[in-house]
Amino acid sequence: MKSKIIHPKNWKPAKGYANGILSSNGHLFIGGQIGWDSQQIFNSNTFIGQMEQTLTNIVQVLEEAGGEINNIVRLTWYIKDKKEYLDNQKKIGKIYQKIMGNHYPAMSMLVVNDLIEDAALLEIEATAVISKT
């Protein structure tokens, strides 16, 4: 099975990882995205701001692969602060719907001690199935 590396054209190059891998059967695996922009700059130090950028990044990788939001079948969230997440659920819901609409794939959320990028407050992985029809 052949696979293709997916990297949005205007993004700074990834080093040591792929933002996405698209298999020949249409399965897209989007590596953990964080709240920095296409040039790997954090424009927000808030959970909500980083969450919005993170979901936007996922959509950009998905679209680069030829997919759309309803192709996402799974999201795995890694968050550093459970209390901050719980205290902001209404805002989180609004931002989620702004970017993802009413599409709710299977999801998992894990609270982690830290992430590789010190400024990152969360990281989200995604899996999508893009139909070849």
Protein backbone atom coordinates (compact mmCIF):
# COMPACT_ATOMS: atom_id res chain seq x y z
CA MET A 1 0.00 0.00 0.00
CA LYS A 2 1.42 3.35 -1.04
CA SER A 3 1.03 6.44 1.09
CA LYS A 4 1.49 10.13 0.47
CA ILE A 5 2.80 12.77 2.85
CA ILE A 6 0.31 15.62 3.26
CA HIS A 7 1.68 19.06 4.01
CA PRO A 8 -0.23 22.30 3.31
CA LYS A 9 1.66 24.32 0.71
CA ASN A 10 2.07 27.55 2.67
CA TRP A 11 3.20 25.87 5.90
CA LYS A 12 6.72 25.97 7.26
CA PRO A 13 8.35 22.54 6.76
CA ALA A 14 7.78 19.93 9.45
CA LYS A 15 10.98 18.51 10.90
CA GLY A 16 11.06 14.89 11.97
CA TYR A 17 7.36 14.18 11.43
CA ALA A 18 4.57 14.40 8.87
CA ASN A 19 1.49 16.57 9.38
CA GLY A 20 -0.53 13.95 7.54
CA ILE A 21 -0.19 10.61 5.80
CA LEU A 22 -2.79 9.60 3.20
CA SER A 23 -2.90 5.88 2.42
CA SER A 24 -3.95 4.52 -0.96
CA ASN A 25 -7.24 3.32 0.57
CA GLY A 26 -8.22 6.88 1.57
CA HIS A 27 -7.33 6.74 5.24
CA LEU A 28 -5.80 10.02 6.36
CA PHE A 29 -3.83 10.11 9.58
CA ILE A 30 -3.29 13.66 10.81
CA GLY A 31 -0.43 13.97 13.26
CA GLY A 32 -0.92 15.87 16.50
CA GLN A 33 -1.67 19.50 15.69
CA ILE A 34 -1.07 22.29 18.16
CA GLY A 35 -2.07 25.94 18.42
CA TRP A 36 0.59 27.49 16.26
CA ASP A 37 0.02 28.93 12.82
CA SER A 38 1.43 27.88 9.43
CA GLN A 39 4.77 29.48 10.33
CA GLN A 40 4.94 27.66 13.69
CA ILE A 41 4.19 30.81 15.70
CA PHE A 42 1.81 30.82 18.65
CA ASN A 43 -0.52 33.80 18.25
CA SER A 44 -2.48 32.94 21.40
CA ASN A 45 -1.53 31.80 24.87
CA THR A 46 -5.12 30.89 25.81
CA PHE A 47 -6.73 27.47 25.61
CA ILE A 48 -9.60 28.78 23.48
CA GLY A 49 -7.31 30.60 21.04
CA GLN A 50 -5.02 27.60 20.67
CA MET A 51 -7.96 25.22 20.31
CA GLU A 52 -9.33 27.32 17.45
CA GLN A 53 -5.95 27.33 15.68
CA THR A 54 -5.46 23.60 16.30
CA LEU A 55 -8.81 22.69 14.74
CA THR A 56 -8.10 25.07 11.85
CA ASN A 57 -4.77 23.30 11.29
CA ILE A 58 -6.53 19.92 11.20
CA VAL A 59 -8.98 21.21 8.59
CA GLN A 60 -6.13 22.61 6.48
CA VAL A 61 -4.31 19.27 6.43
CA LEU A 62 -7.60 17.50 5.66
CA GLU A 63 -8.39 19.85 2.77
CA GLU A 64 -4.84 19.53 1.40
CA ALA A 65 -5.52 15.78 1.17
CA GLY A 66 -8.78 16.42 -0.72
CA GLY A 67 -11.07 15.78 2.23
CA GLU A 68 -13.76 17.68 4.04
CA ILE A 69 -14.85 17.91 7.66
CA ASN A 70 -17.41 15.11 7.49
CA ASN A 71 -14.58 12.72 6.50
CA ILE A 72 -13.11 12.95 10.00
CA VAL A 73 -13.91 9.77 11.92
CA ARG A 74 -11.82 10.25 15.06
CA LEU A 75 -10.23 13.01 17.15
CA THR A 76 -7.87 12.42 20.04
CA TRP A 77 -7.33 15.43 22.29
CA TYR A 78 -4.38 15.84 24.66
CA ILE A 79 -4.90 18.69 27.11
CA LYS A 80 -2.68 20.00 29.88
CA ASP A 81 -5.35 21.51 32.14
CA LYS A 82 -8.58 19.63 32.88
CA LYS A 83 -10.03 22.48 34.93
CA GLU A 84 -9.48 25.02 32.16
CA TYR A 85 -11.26 22.69 29.72
CA LEU A 86 -14.21 22.13 32.06
CA ASP A 87 -14.50 25.83 32.93
CA ASN A 88 -14.69 26.81 29.24
CA GLN A 89 -17.03 24.20 27.78
CA LYS A 90 -19.53 26.72 26.35
CA LYS A 91 -16.77 28.66 24.57
CA ILE A 92 -15.20 25.40 23.42
CA GLY A 93 -18.54 24.29 21.97
CA LYS A 94 -18.97 27.56 20.07
CA ILE A 95 -15.46 27.45 18.59
CA TYR A 96 -15.81 23.76 17.76
CA GLN A 97 -19.07 24.36 15.88
CA LYS A 98 -17.62 27.43 14.13
CA ILE A 99 -14.90 25.25 12.60
CA MET A 100 -16.35 21.73 12.56
CA GLY A 101 -20.06 22.48 12.23
CA ASN A 102 -22.30 19.79 13.67
CA HIS A 103 -19.87 16.98 12.85
CA TYR A 104 -18.98 14.95 15.93
CA PRO A 105 -16.64 12.02 15.21
CA ALA A 106 -15.54 9.50 17.80
CA MET A 107 -13.40 11.37 20.31
CA SER A 108 -11.06 10.70 23.19
CA MET A 109 -9.59 13.25 25.57
CA LEU A 110 -6.58 12.70 27.74
CA VAL A 111 -5.10 14.99 30.36
CA VAL A 112 -1.33 15.01 30.03
CA ASN A 113 1.43 16.43 32.17
CA ASP A 114 3.15 18.28 29.32
CA LEU A 115 3.60 18.57 25.55
CA ILE A 116 6.82 18.84 23.54
CA GLU A 117 6.26 22.49 22.59
CA ASP A 118 6.35 24.41 25.88
CA ALA A 119 3.80 27.01 24.75
CA ALA A 120 1.27 24.40 23.57
CA LEU A 121 -1.77 23.96 25.82
CA LEU A 122 -3.33 21.14 23.81
CA GLU A 123 -2.68 18.81 20.90
CA ILE A 124 -5.24 17.06 18.71
CA GLU A 125 -4.76 14.09 16.36
CA ALA A 126 -7.32 13.23 13.69
CA THR A 127 -8.18 10.30 11.47
CA ALA A 128 -10.29 10.70 8.34
CA VAL A 129 -11.56 8.43 5.59
CA ILE A 130 -11.68 10.14 2.22
CA SER A 131 -13.82 8.35 -0.32
CA LYS A 132 -12.31 7.80 -3.74
CA THR A 133 -15.69 7.92 -5.55
